[in-house]
Amino acid sequence: MSALGKRAWTGRWQDCYHRWDDDEQVGNVKAFCSVANFMDDLNDDNANLYWPNFTAAPWHLQCVVQVDGEMTKLNFWPHKAKAQVDYRKVQEGWGNVNELIASIFSADEEEEFDVIE
């Protein structure tokens, strides 16, 4: 862990911030592991999730992604089932979060082609 509290994603749901007595939060952090694995699958095991400041904000994870040709941060709040690309609307619920992730990682794979009429 660095002096600023940055910490690499461990892959363990138990390391995510959550209230142990809140079944919804426990379920959300467990589901986040599936989301993290989904991102690794889409990005050839290079999602590089991390807590930007584990000491002060253990509930917030990030990774750097390319959106519209620009590098930006993808933010997660696993215990609340929320995600956001910097400066865009927060997506809530794992279905919406998965759609957001898929749209980011699949955008680079789309090829332009001419339409022949």
C-alpha atoms as a PDB file:
ATOM      1  CA  MET A   1       0.000   0.000   0.000  1.00  0.00           C
ATOM      2  CA  SER A   2       1.338   3.428  -0.911  1.00  0.00           C
ATOM      3  CA  ALA A   3       1.520   6.442   1.349  1.00  0.00           C
ATOM      4  CA  LEU A   4      -1.701   7.742  -0.210  1.00  0.00           C
ATOM      5  CA  GLY A   5      -3.517   4.528   0.613  1.00  0.00           C
ATOM      6  CA  LYS A   6      -3.726   3.184  -2.967  1.00  0.00           C
ATOM      7  CA  ARG A   7      -4.230  -0.574  -2.896  1.00  0.00           C
ATOM      8  CA  ALA A   8      -4.592  -3.126  -5.709  1.00  0.00           C
ATOM      9  CA  TRP A   9      -7.822  -5.119  -5.996  1.00  0.00           C
ATOM     10  CA  THR A  10      -7.421  -8.391  -4.149  1.00  0.00           C
ATOM     11  CA  GLY A  11     -10.187 -10.330  -5.866  1.00  0.00           C
ATOM     12  CA  ARG A  12     -11.807 -11.019  -2.495  1.00  0.00           C
ATOM     13  CA  TRP A  13     -15.296  -9.748  -1.781  1.00  0.00           C
ATOM     14  CA  GLN A  14     -14.450  -9.769   1.914  1.00  0.00           C
ATOM     15  CA  ASP A  15     -11.987  -6.919   1.311  1.00  0.00           C
ATOM     16  CA  CYS A  16     -14.717  -4.639  -0.040  1.00  0.00           C
ATOM     17  CA  TYR A  17     -16.318  -2.212   2.357  1.00  0.00           C
ATOM     18  CA  HIS A  18     -19.730  -3.399   3.560  1.00  0.00           C
ATOM     19  CA  ARG A  19     -21.726  -3.749   6.725  1.00  0.00           C
ATOM     20  CA  TRP A  20     -21.615  -7.395   7.791  1.00  0.00           C
ATOM     21  CA  ASP A  21     -25.138  -7.175   9.200  1.00  0.00           C
ATOM     22  CA  ASP A  22     -26.586  -5.827   5.920  1.00  0.00           C
ATOM     23  CA  ASP A  23     -27.512  -8.737   3.639  1.00  0.00           C
ATOM     24  CA  GLU A  24     -28.011  -6.427   0.648  1.00  0.00           C
ATOM     25  CA  GLN A  25     -24.503  -4.964   0.964  1.00  0.00           C
ATOM     26  CA  VAL A  26     -22.977  -8.425   1.446  1.00  0.00           C
ATOM     27  CA  GLY A  27     -24.792  -9.597  -1.705  1.00  0.00           C
ATOM     28  CA  ASN A  28     -23.624  -6.536  -3.607  1.00  0.00           C
ATOM     29  CA  VAL A  29     -19.943  -6.982  -2.786  1.00  0.00           C
ATOM     30  CA  LYS A  30     -20.177 -10.666  -3.707  1.00  0.00           C
ATOM     31  CA  ALA A  31     -21.768  -9.690  -7.026  1.00  0.00           C
ATOM     32  CA  PHE A  32     -18.969  -7.175  -7.573  1.00  0.00           C
ATOM     33  CA  CYS A  33     -16.487 -10.056  -7.793  1.00  0.00           C
ATOM     34  CA  SER A  34     -18.459 -11.341 -10.780  1.00  0.00           C
ATOM     35  CA  VAL A  35     -18.376  -7.860 -12.312  1.00  0.00           C
ATOM     36  CA  ALA A  36     -14.602  -7.668 -11.767  1.00  0.00           C
ATOM     37  CA  ASN A  37     -14.162 -11.075 -13.423  1.00  0.00           C
ATOM     38  CA  PHE A  38     -16.400  -9.926 -16.304  1.00  0.00           C
ATOM     39  CA  MET A  39     -14.151  -6.909 -16.799  1.00  0.00           C
ATOM     40  CA  ASP A  40     -11.046  -9.103 -16.773  1.00  0.00           C
ATOM     41  CA  ASP A  41     -12.626 -11.354 -19.426  1.00  0.00           C
ATOM     42  CA  LEU A  42     -13.436  -8.346 -21.625  1.00  0.00           C
ATOM     43  CA  ASN A  43     -10.030  -6.778 -21.123  1.00  0.00           C
ATOM     44  CA  ASP A  44      -7.722  -9.820 -21.304  1.00  0.00           C
ATOM     45  CA  ASP A  45      -7.195  -9.958 -17.525  1.00  0.00           C
ATOM     46  CA  ASN A  46      -5.971  -6.355 -17.411  1.00  0.00           C
ATOM     47  CA  ALA A  47      -8.800  -4.465 -15.701  1.00  0.00           C
ATOM     48  CA  ASN A  48      -6.355  -3.310 -13.001  1.00  0.00           C
ATOM     49  CA  LEU A  49      -8.901  -2.436 -10.346  1.00  0.00           C
ATOM     50  CA  TYR A  50      -7.638  -0.592  -7.303  1.00  0.00           C
ATOM     51  CA  TRP A  51      -8.772   1.368  -4.286  1.00  0.00           C
ATOM     52  CA  PRO A  52      -7.489   4.922  -4.920  1.00  0.00           C
ATOM     53  CA  ASN A  53      -7.444   5.660  -1.192  1.00  0.00           C
ATOM     54  CA  PHE A  54      -8.249   2.543   0.812  1.00  0.00           C
ATOM     55  CA  THR A  55      -7.521   4.257   4.122  1.00  0.00           C
ATOM     56  CA  ALA A  56      -9.948   7.159   3.701  1.00  0.00           C
ATOM     57  CA  ALA A  57     -12.493   5.602   1.310  1.00  0.00           C
ATOM     58  CA  PRO A  58     -12.493   1.783   1.395  1.00  0.00           C
ATOM     59  CA  TRP A  59     -15.912   1.762  -0.326  1.00  0.00           C
ATOM     60  CA  HIS A  60     -14.555   3.224  -3.611  1.00  0.00           C
ATOM     61  CA  LEU A  61     -12.681   1.299  -6.324  1.00  0.00           C
ATOM     62  CA  GLN A  62     -11.419   2.492  -9.710  1.00  0.00           C
ATOM     63  CA  CYS A  63      -9.747   1.402 -12.902  1.00  0.00           C
ATOM     64  CA  VAL A  64      -8.538   3.404 -15.878  1.00  0.00           C
ATOM     65  CA  VAL A  65     -10.331   2.726 -19.162  1.00  0.00           C
ATOM     66  CA  GLN A  66     -10.428   4.209 -22.628  1.00  0.00           C
ATOM     67  CA  VAL A  67     -13.687   5.990 -23.520  1.00  0.00           C
ATOM     68  CA  ASP A  68     -14.069   7.742 -26.869  1.00  0.00           C
ATOM     69  CA  GLY A  69     -10.314   7.594 -27.376  1.00  0.00           C
ATOM     70  CA  GLU A  70      -9.530   9.202 -24.018  1.00  0.00           C
ATOM     71  CA  MET A  71      -8.215   7.557 -20.873  1.00  0.00           C
ATOM     72  CA  THR A  72     -10.611   8.094 -17.976  1.00  0.00           C
ATOM     73  CA  LYS A  73     -11.569   6.505 -14.680  1.00  0.00           C
ATOM     74  CA  LEU A  74     -14.308   3.966 -14.102  1.00  0.00           C
ATOM     75  CA  ASN A  75     -15.505   4.276 -10.499  1.00  0.00           C
ATOM     76  CA  PHE A  76     -17.242   1.589  -8.422  1.00  0.00           C
ATOM     77  CA  TRP A  77     -19.090   1.567  -5.127  1.00  0.00           C
ATOM     78  CA  PRO A  78     -19.555  -2.212  -4.727  1.00  0.00           C
ATOM     79  CA  HIS A  79     -21.599  -2.138  -1.518  1.00  0.00           C
ATOM     80  CA  LYS A  80     -24.197   0.056  -3.271  1.00  0.00           C
ATOM     81  CA  ALA A  81     -24.086  -1.669  -6.714  1.00  0.00           C
ATOM     82  CA  LYS A  82     -23.073   1.577  -8.444  1.00  0.00           C
ATOM     83  CA  ALA A  83     -20.583   2.519 -11.145  1.00  0.00           C
ATOM     84  CA  GLN A  84     -19.687   5.654 -13.076  1.00  0.00           C
ATOM     85  CA  VAL A  85     -17.418   6.741 -15.861  1.00  0.00           C
ATOM     86  CA  ASP A  86     -15.909  10.104 -14.878  1.00  0.00           C
ATOM     87  CA  TYR A  87     -18.279  12.979 -15.553  1.00  0.00           C
ATOM     88  CA  ARG A  88     -21.196  10.769 -16.587  1.00  0.00           C
ATOM     89  CA  LYS A  89     -24.350   9.683 -14.826  1.00  0.00           C
ATOM     90  CA  VAL A  90     -23.962   7.053 -12.090  1.00  0.00           C
ATOM     91  CA  GLN A  91     -25.378   3.663 -13.064  1.00  0.00           C
ATOM     92  CA  GLU A  92     -27.173   1.721 -10.348  1.00  0.00           C
ATOM     93  CA  GLY A  93     -27.878  -2.012 -10.213  1.00  0.00           C
ATOM     94  CA  TRP A  94     -25.632  -4.759 -11.536  1.00  0.00           C
ATOM     95  CA  GLY A  95     -27.543  -5.086 -14.811  1.00  0.00           C
ATOM     96  CA  ASN A  96     -26.900  -1.424 -15.628  1.00  0.00           C
ATOM     97  CA  VAL A  97     -23.320  -1.626 -14.386  1.00  0.00           C
ATOM     98  CA  ASN A  98     -22.644  -4.665 -16.616  1.00  0.00           C
ATOM     99  CA  GLU A  99     -24.138  -2.827 -19.615  1.00  0.00           C
ATOM    100  CA  LEU A 100     -21.896   0.165 -18.902  1.00  0.00           C
ATOM    101  CA  ILE A 101     -18.803  -2.024 -18.725  1.00  0.00           C
ATOM    102  CA  ALA A 102     -19.708  -3.987 -21.850  1.00  0.00           C
ATOM    103  CA  SER A 103     -20.298  -0.753 -23.787  1.00  0.00           C
ATOM    104  CA  ILE A 104     -16.863   0.580 -22.795  1.00  0.00           C
ATOM    105  CA  PHE A 105     -14.890  -2.556 -23.583  1.00  0.00           C
ATOM    106  CA  SER A 106     -16.777  -3.490 -26.750  1.00  0.00           C
ATOM    107  CA  ALA A 107     -16.504   0.020 -28.273  1.00  0.00           C
ATOM    108  CA  ASP A 108     -12.848  -0.606 -29.172  1.00  0.00           C
ATOM    109  CA  GLU A 109     -13.696  -3.895 -30.861  1.00  0.00           C
ATOM    110  CA  GLU A 110     -16.242  -2.457 -33.300  1.00  0.00           C
ATOM    111  CA  GLU A 111     -14.901  -2.058 -36.795  1.00  0.00           C
ATOM    112  CA  GLU A 112     -16.092   0.549 -39.246  1.00  0.00           C
ATOM    113  CA  PHE A 113     -17.283  -0.751 -42.572  1.00  0.00           C
ATOM    114  CA  ASP A 114     -18.833   0.678 -45.718  1.00  0.00           C
ATOM    115  CA  VAL A 115     -22.504   0.080 -46.320  1.00  0.00           C
ATOM    116  CA  ILE A 116     -23.140  -1.192 -49.811  1.00  0.00           C
ATOM    117  CA  GLU A 117     -26.575  -0.488 -51.203  1.00  0.00           C
END
